[in-house]
C-alpha atoms as a PDB file:
ATOM      1  CA  UNK A   1      -3.767 -44.545-165.643  1.00  0.00           C
ATOM      2  CA  UNK A   2      -5.647 -44.417-162.554  1.00  0.00           C
ATOM      3  CA  UNK A   3      -6.107 -45.709-159.461  1.00  0.00           C
ATOM      4  CA  UNK A   4      -8.349 -45.707-156.568  1.00  0.00           C
ATOM      5  CA  UNK A   5      -7.055 -46.207-152.519  1.00  0.00           C
ATOM      6  CA  UNK A   6      -7.793 -44.526-149.180  1.00  0.00           C
ATOM      7  CA  UNK A   7      -5.623 -41.583-148.212  1.00  0.00           C
ATOM      8  CA  UNK A   8      -4.687 -43.497-145.104  1.00  0.00           C
ATOM      9  CA  UNK A   9      -2.632 -46.020-146.405  1.00  0.00           C
ATOM     10  CA  UNK A  10      -1.183 -43.848-149.030  1.00  0.00           C
ATOM     11  CA  UNK A  11       0.045 -41.068-145.889  1.00  0.00           C
ATOM     12  CA  UNK A  12       1.227 -43.461-144.171  1.00  0.00           C
ATOM     13  CA  UNK A  13       3.680 -45.052-146.912  1.00  0.00           C
ATOM     14  CA  UNK A  14       4.762 -42.625-148.929  1.00  0.00           C
ATOM     15  CA  UNK A  15       5.336 -40.735-145.189  1.00  0.00           C
ATOM     16  CA  UNK A  16       7.673 -44.105-144.374  1.00  0.00           C
ATOM     17  CA  UNK A  17       9.920 -43.408-147.394  1.00  0.00           C
ATOM     18  CA  UNK A  18      10.176 -40.396-147.347  1.00  0.00           C
ATOM     19  CA  UNK A  19      12.355 -40.300-144.218  1.00  0.00           C
ATOM     20  CA  UNK A  20      14.806 -41.407-146.853  1.00  0.00           C
ATOM     21  CA  UNK A  21      14.853 -38.026-148.616  1.00  0.00           C
ATOM     22  CA  UNK A  22      17.452 -35.551-148.175  1.00  0.00           C
ATOM     23  CA  UNK A  23      18.620 -32.869-149.539  1.00  0.00           C
ATOM     24  CA  UNK A  24      20.364 -33.004-153.132  1.00  0.00           C
ATOM     25  CA  UNK A  25      21.714 -31.917-156.496  1.00  0.00           C
ATOM     26  CA  UNK A  26      19.808 -34.459-157.475  1.00  0.00           C
ATOM     27  CA  UNK A  27      16.246 -33.394-158.572  1.00  0.00           C
ATOM     28  CA  UNK A  28      15.117 -36.801-159.741  1.00  0.00           C
ATOM     29  CA  UNK A  29      16.009 -37.942-155.787  1.00  0.00           C
ATOM     30  CA  UNK A  30      13.620 -34.824-154.838  1.00  0.00           C
ATOM     31  CA  UNK A  31      10.978 -37.696-155.853  1.00  0.00           C
ATOM     32  CA  UNK A  32       8.678 -41.336-154.949  1.00  0.00           C
ATOM     33  CA  UNK A  33       8.658 -43.239-157.640  1.00  0.00           C
ATOM     34  CA  UNK A  34       4.777 -44.997-157.612  1.00  0.00           C
ATOM     35  CA  UNK A  35       4.915 -48.710-159.232  1.00  0.00           C
ATOM     36  CA  UNK A  36       1.506 -50.155-159.873  1.00  0.00           C
ATOM     37  CA  UNK A  37       1.199 -53.810-160.906  1.00  0.00           C
ATOM     38  CA  UNK A  38      -1.097 -56.707-160.402  1.00  0.00           C
ATOM     39  CA  UNK A  39      -3.581 -54.170-157.435  1.00  0.00           C
ATOM     40  CA  UNK A  40      -0.202 -53.258-155.945  1.00  0.00           C
ATOM     41  CA  UNK A  41       1.251 -50.123-155.076  1.00  0.00           C
ATOM     42  CA  UNK A  42       4.769 -49.601-154.515  1.00  0.00           C
ATOM     43  CA  UNK A  43       6.254 -46.462-153.156  1.00  0.00           C
ATOM     44  CA  UNK A  44       9.904 -46.458-153.320  1.00  0.00           C
ATOM     45  CA  UNK A  45      12.474 -42.909-152.410  1.00  0.00           C
ATOM     46  CA  UNK A  46      16.266 -43.570-152.370  1.00  0.00           C
ATOM     47  CA  UNK A  47      19.120 -41.082-151.620  1.00  0.00           C
ATOM     48  CA  UNK A  48      21.088 -42.700-153.768  1.00  0.00           C
ATOM     49  CA  UNK A  49      22.626 -44.460-149.796  1.00  0.00           C
ATOM     50  CA  UNK A  50      19.151 -45.983-148.320  1.00  0.00           C
ATOM     51  CA  UNK A  51      16.669 -46.467-150.402  1.00  0.00           C
ATOM     52  CA  UNK A  52      12.948 -47.441-148.566  1.00  0.00           C
ATOM     53  CA  UNK A  53       9.755 -48.587-149.993  1.00  0.00           C
ATOM     54  CA  UNK A  54       5.829 -49.655-148.852  1.00  0.00           C
ATOM     55  CA  UNK A  55       3.875 -51.557-150.578  1.00  0.00           C
ATOM     56  CA  UNK A  56       0.109 -51.124-150.067  1.00  0.00           C
ATOM     57  CA  UNK A  57      -3.412 -52.934-152.310  1.00  0.00           C
ATOM     58  CA  UNK A  58      -5.080 -49.935-154.744  1.00  0.00           C
ATOM     59  CA  UNK A  59      -7.437 -50.650-157.950  1.00  0.00           C
ATOM     60  CA  UNK A  60      -6.102 -50.106-161.087  1.00  0.00           C
ATOM     61  CA  UNK A  61      -6.959 -51.296-164.098  1.00  0.00           C
ATOM     62  CA  UNK A  62      -3.108 -50.691-165.767  1.00  0.00           C
ATOM     63  CA  UNK A  63      -0.131 -51.049-164.320  1.00  0.00           C
ATOM     64  CA  UNK A  64       2.019 -48.255-164.873  1.00  0.00           C
ATOM     65  CA  UNK A  65       5.521 -46.625-162.748  1.00  0.00           C
ATOM     66  CA  UNK A  66       5.632 -42.292-162.378  1.00  0.00           C
ATOM     67  CA  UNK A  67       7.644 -40.375-160.262  1.00  0.00           C
ATOM     68  CA  UNK A  68       5.677 -37.901-157.708  1.00  0.00           C
ATOM     69  CA  UNK A  69       7.279 -34.858-156.004  1.00  0.00           C
ATOM     70  CA  UNK A  70       7.518 -36.127-152.726  1.00  0.00           C
ATOM     71  CA  UNK A  71       7.381 -32.822-150.239  1.00  0.00           C
ATOM     72  CA  UNK A  72       4.662 -31.195-152.300  1.00  0.00           C
ATOM     73  CA  UNK A  73       2.604 -34.656-152.229  1.00  0.00           C
ATOM     74  CA  UNK A  74       3.090 -35.056-148.638  1.00  0.00           C
ATOM     75  CA  UNK A  75       1.894 -31.142-147.161  1.00  0.00           C
ATOM     76  CA  UNK A  76      -1.093 -32.139-149.921  1.00  0.00           C
ATOM     77  CA  UNK A  77      -1.986 -35.756-148.370  1.00  0.00           C
ATOM     78  CA  UNK A  78      -1.658 -34.479-144.891  1.00  0.00           C
ATOM     79  CA  UNK A  79      -4.757 -32.314-145.311  1.00  0.00           C
ATOM     80  CA  UNK A  80      -6.823 -34.502-146.616  1.00  0.00           C
ATOM     81  CA  UNK A  81      -9.954 -36.468-144.369  1.00  0.00           C
ATOM     82  CA  UNK A  82      -9.693 -39.903-144.588  1.00  0.00           C
ATOM     83  CA  UNK A  83     -11.241 -40.983-147.391  1.00  0.00           C
ATOM     84  CA  UNK A  84     -11.458 -42.727-151.014  1.00  0.00           C
ATOM     85  CA  UNK A  85      -8.933 -40.778-153.188  1.00  0.00           C
ATOM     86  CA  UNK A  86      -7.792 -41.183-156.997  1.00  0.00           C
ATOM     87  CA  UNK A  87      -4.713 -40.592-158.639  1.00  0.00           C
ATOM     88  CA  UNK A  88      -5.302 -40.345-161.940  1.00  0.00           C
ATOM     89  CA  UNK A  89      -2.034 -39.897-164.349  1.00  0.00           C
ATOM     90  CA  UNK A  90      -2.261 -38.017-167.970  1.00  0.00           C
ATOM     91  CA  UNK A  91       0.823 -36.613-170.364  1.00  0.00           C
ATOM     92  CA  UNK A  92       3.082 -36.095-166.986  1.00  0.00           C
ATOM     93  CA  UNK A  93       0.334 -34.694-164.842  1.00  0.00           C
ATOM     94  CA  UNK A  94      -1.183 -36.366-161.858  1.00  0.00           C
ATOM     95  CA  UNK A  95      -5.013 -34.863-161.101  1.00  0.00           C
ATOM     96  CA  UNK A  96      -5.400 -36.090-156.595  1.00  0.00           C
ATOM     97  CA  UNK A  97      -9.211 -36.228-156.967  1.00  0.00           C
ATOM     98  CA  UNK A  98     -11.383 -36.557-153.293  1.00  0.00           C
ATOM     99  CA  UNK A  99     -14.735 -36.629-151.978  1.00  0.00           C
ATOM    100  CA  UNK A 100     -14.507 -32.473-151.283  1.00  0.00           C
ATOM    101  CA  UNK A 101     -11.345 -31.343-154.533  1.00  0.00           C
ATOM    102  CA  UNK A 102      -8.694 -32.118-156.786  1.00  0.00           C
ATOM    103  CA  UNK A 103      -5.576 -30.638-156.679  1.00  0.00           C
ATOM    104  CA  UNK A 104      -3.239 -30.784-159.583  1.00  0.00           C
ATOM    105  CA  UNK A 105       0.702 -31.369-159.835  1.00  0.00           C
ATOM    106  CA  UNK A 106       3.267 -32.004-163.125  1.00  0.00           C
ATOM    107  CA  UNK A 107       4.880 -35.473-162.857  1.00  0.00           C
ATOM    108  CA  UNK A 108       8.343 -37.009-163.839  1.00  0.00           C
ATOM    109  CA  UNK A 109       8.873 -40.601-165.727  1.00  0.00           C
ATOM    110  CA  UNK A 110      10.321 -43.217-163.982  1.00  0.00           C
ATOM    111  CA  UNK A 111      13.091 -43.738-166.242  1.00  0.00           C
ATOM    112  CA  UNK A 112      14.846 -40.973-164.786  1.00  0.00           C
ATOM    113  CA  UNK A 113      14.798 -42.547-161.458  1.00  0.00           C
ATOM    114  CA  UNK A 114      17.521 -44.583-160.005  1.00  0.00           C
ATOM    115  CA  UNK A 115      16.948 -48.468-160.969  1.00  0.00           C
ATOM    116  CA  UNK A 116      17.204 -51.017-157.747  1.00  0.00           C
ATOM    117  CA  UNK A 117      20.134 -53.031-157.396  1.00  0.00           C
ATOM    118  CA  UNK A 118      20.004 -56.312-158.007  1.00  0.00           C
ATOM    119  CA  UNK A 119      22.417 -58.902-155.336  1.00  0.00           C
ATOM    120  CA  UNK A 120      24.483 -61.998-157.727  1.00  0.00           C
ATOM    121  CA  UNK A 121      23.362 -64.562-155.099  1.00  0.00           C
ATOM    122  CA  UNK A 122      21.170 -65.225-152.063  1.00  0.00           C
ATOM    123  CA  UNK A 123      22.795 -65.362-148.935  1.00  0.00           C
ATOM    124  CA  UNK A 124      21.673 -65.497-145.852  1.00  0.00           C
ATOM    125  CA  UNK A 125      22.802 -65.301-142.157  1.00  0.00           C
ATOM    126  CA  UNK A 126      20.839 -66.051-138.638  1.00  0.00           C
ATOM    127  CA  UNK A 127      21.713 -64.375-135.955  1.00  0.00           C
ATOM    128  CA  UNK A 128      20.418 -64.413-132.587  1.00  0.00           C
ATOM    129  CA  UNK A 129      18.341 -61.218-131.815  1.00  0.00           C
ATOM    130  CA  UNK A 130      19.561 -60.755-128.084  1.00  0.00           C
ATOM    131  CA  UNK A 131      23.334 -61.025-129.158  1.00  0.00           C
ATOM    132  CA  UNK A 132      23.393 -58.816-132.295  1.00  0.00           C
ATOM    133  CA  UNK A 133      21.169 -55.994-130.204  1.00  0.00           C
ATOM    134  CA  UNK A 134      24.884 -57.323-127.761  1.00  0.00           C
ATOM    135  CA  UNK A 135      27.307 -55.991-130.369  1.00  0.00           C
ATOM    136  CA  UNK A 136      25.032 -53.095-132.033  1.00  0.00           C
ATOM    137  CA  UNK A 137      24.909 -51.754-128.326  1.00  0.00           C
ATOM    138  CA  UNK A 138      28.602 -52.020-127.464  1.00  0.00           C
ATOM    139  CA  UNK A 139      29.466 -50.630-131.425  1.00  0.00           C
ATOM    140  CA  UNK A 140      27.700 -46.970-131.572  1.00  0.00           C
ATOM    141  CA  UNK A 141      29.013 -45.698-127.526  1.00  0.00           C
ATOM    142  CA  UNK A 142      32.094 -45.123-130.142  1.00  0.00           C
ATOM    143  CA  UNK A 143      30.162 -43.133-132.159  1.00  0.00           C
ATOM    144  CA  UNK A 144      30.366 -39.892-131.398  1.00  0.00           C
ATOM    145  CA  UNK A 145      27.177 -37.967-131.604  1.00  0.00           C
ATOM    146  CA  UNK A 146      28.235 -34.498-129.863  1.00  0.00           C
ATOM    147  CA  UNK A 147      31.022 -33.307-132.793  1.00  0.00           C
ATOM    148  CA  UNK A 148      29.385 -30.946-135.264  1.00  0.00           C
ATOM    149  CA  UNK A 149      30.856 -32.402-137.216  1.00  0.00           C
ATOM    150  CA  UNK A 150      29.225 -36.165-136.631  1.00  0.00           C
ATOM    151  CA  UNK A 151      31.061 -38.681-139.421  1.00  0.00           C
ATOM    152  CA  UNK A 152      30.304 -41.772-137.163  1.00  0.00           C
ATOM    153  CA  UNK A 153      30.080 -45.379-139.366  1.00  0.00           C
ATOM    154  CA  UNK A 154      29.114 -48.934-137.509  1.00  0.00           C
ATOM    155  CA  UNK A 155      30.346 -51.754-140.393  1.00  0.00           C
ATOM    156  CA  UNK A 156      29.446 -54.833-139.392  1.00  0.00           C
ATOM    157  CA  UNK A 157      31.465 -57.533-141.519  1.00  0.00           C
ATOM    158  CA  UNK A 158      30.195 -61.489-141.852  1.00  0.00           C
ATOM    159  CA  UNK A 159      33.242 -64.038-142.564  1.00  0.00           C
ATOM    160  CA  UNK A 160      31.763 -67.665-142.664  1.00  0.00           C
ATOM    161  CA  UNK A 161      34.193 -68.754-139.317  1.00  0.00           C
ATOM    162  CA  UNK A 162      33.015 -64.935-137.711  1.00  0.00           C
ATOM    163  CA  UNK A 163      31.261 -61.314-137.299  1.00  0.00           C
ATOM    164  CA  UNK A 164      32.645 -58.933-136.866  1.00  0.00           C
ATOM    165  CA  UNK A 165      30.576 -54.935-135.576  1.00  0.00           C
ATOM    166  CA  UNK A 166      32.882 -52.144-135.515  1.00  0.00           C
ATOM    167  CA  UNK A 167      32.226 -48.668-134.353  1.00  0.00           C
ATOM    168  CA  UNK A 168      33.761 -45.781-135.766  1.00  0.00           C
ATOM    169  CA  UNK A 169      33.899 -41.725-134.053  1.00  0.00           C
ATOM    170  CA  UNK A 170      36.191 -40.660-137.378  1.00  0.00           C
ATOM    171  CA  UNK A 171      38.552 -41.250-134.440  1.00  0.00           C
ATOM    172  CA  UNK A 172      38.654 -44.398-132.396  1.00  0.00           C
ATOM    173  CA  UNK A 173      37.461 -48.100-133.910  1.00  0.00           C
ATOM    174  CA  UNK A 174      36.516 -50.895-131.528  1.00  0.00           C
ATOM    175  CA  UNK A 175      35.515 -54.712-132.523  1.00  0.00           C
END
């Protein structure tokens, strides 16, 4: 299994999704999921609270998925010049090659990565952006970021009659 893209495109996508990766007791969450389908690479990171995905065009003859350690991949990609780059996967091993050299690392089967949640219904709402921005700025005033143990939360509750935006600091809530 092989895919070809540019180092700049894949670095941008990996760094974007990698922002959701945090310290965890589940080793699989330290990886990014690569899913290649019909010439598109979907890169996904998950921390069981937030999932981030990016897609980039690639050249690949087969569809496949695999998990790659984020930290190691990010460090390798940051050190590469802007150039075409080949990813070759074989028996849970990854070979990253570019015109001036290559890197090798182990991968993890994608079956271990958390599955995406499928929503049962397709409902949508439309909100004026200035109204939403005003409501969010009011609610965010009540989230205390100076506390040693920040426990601020933001709740957005949508019903057919109303939409509530609530900011909570753990001590006070405001609608």
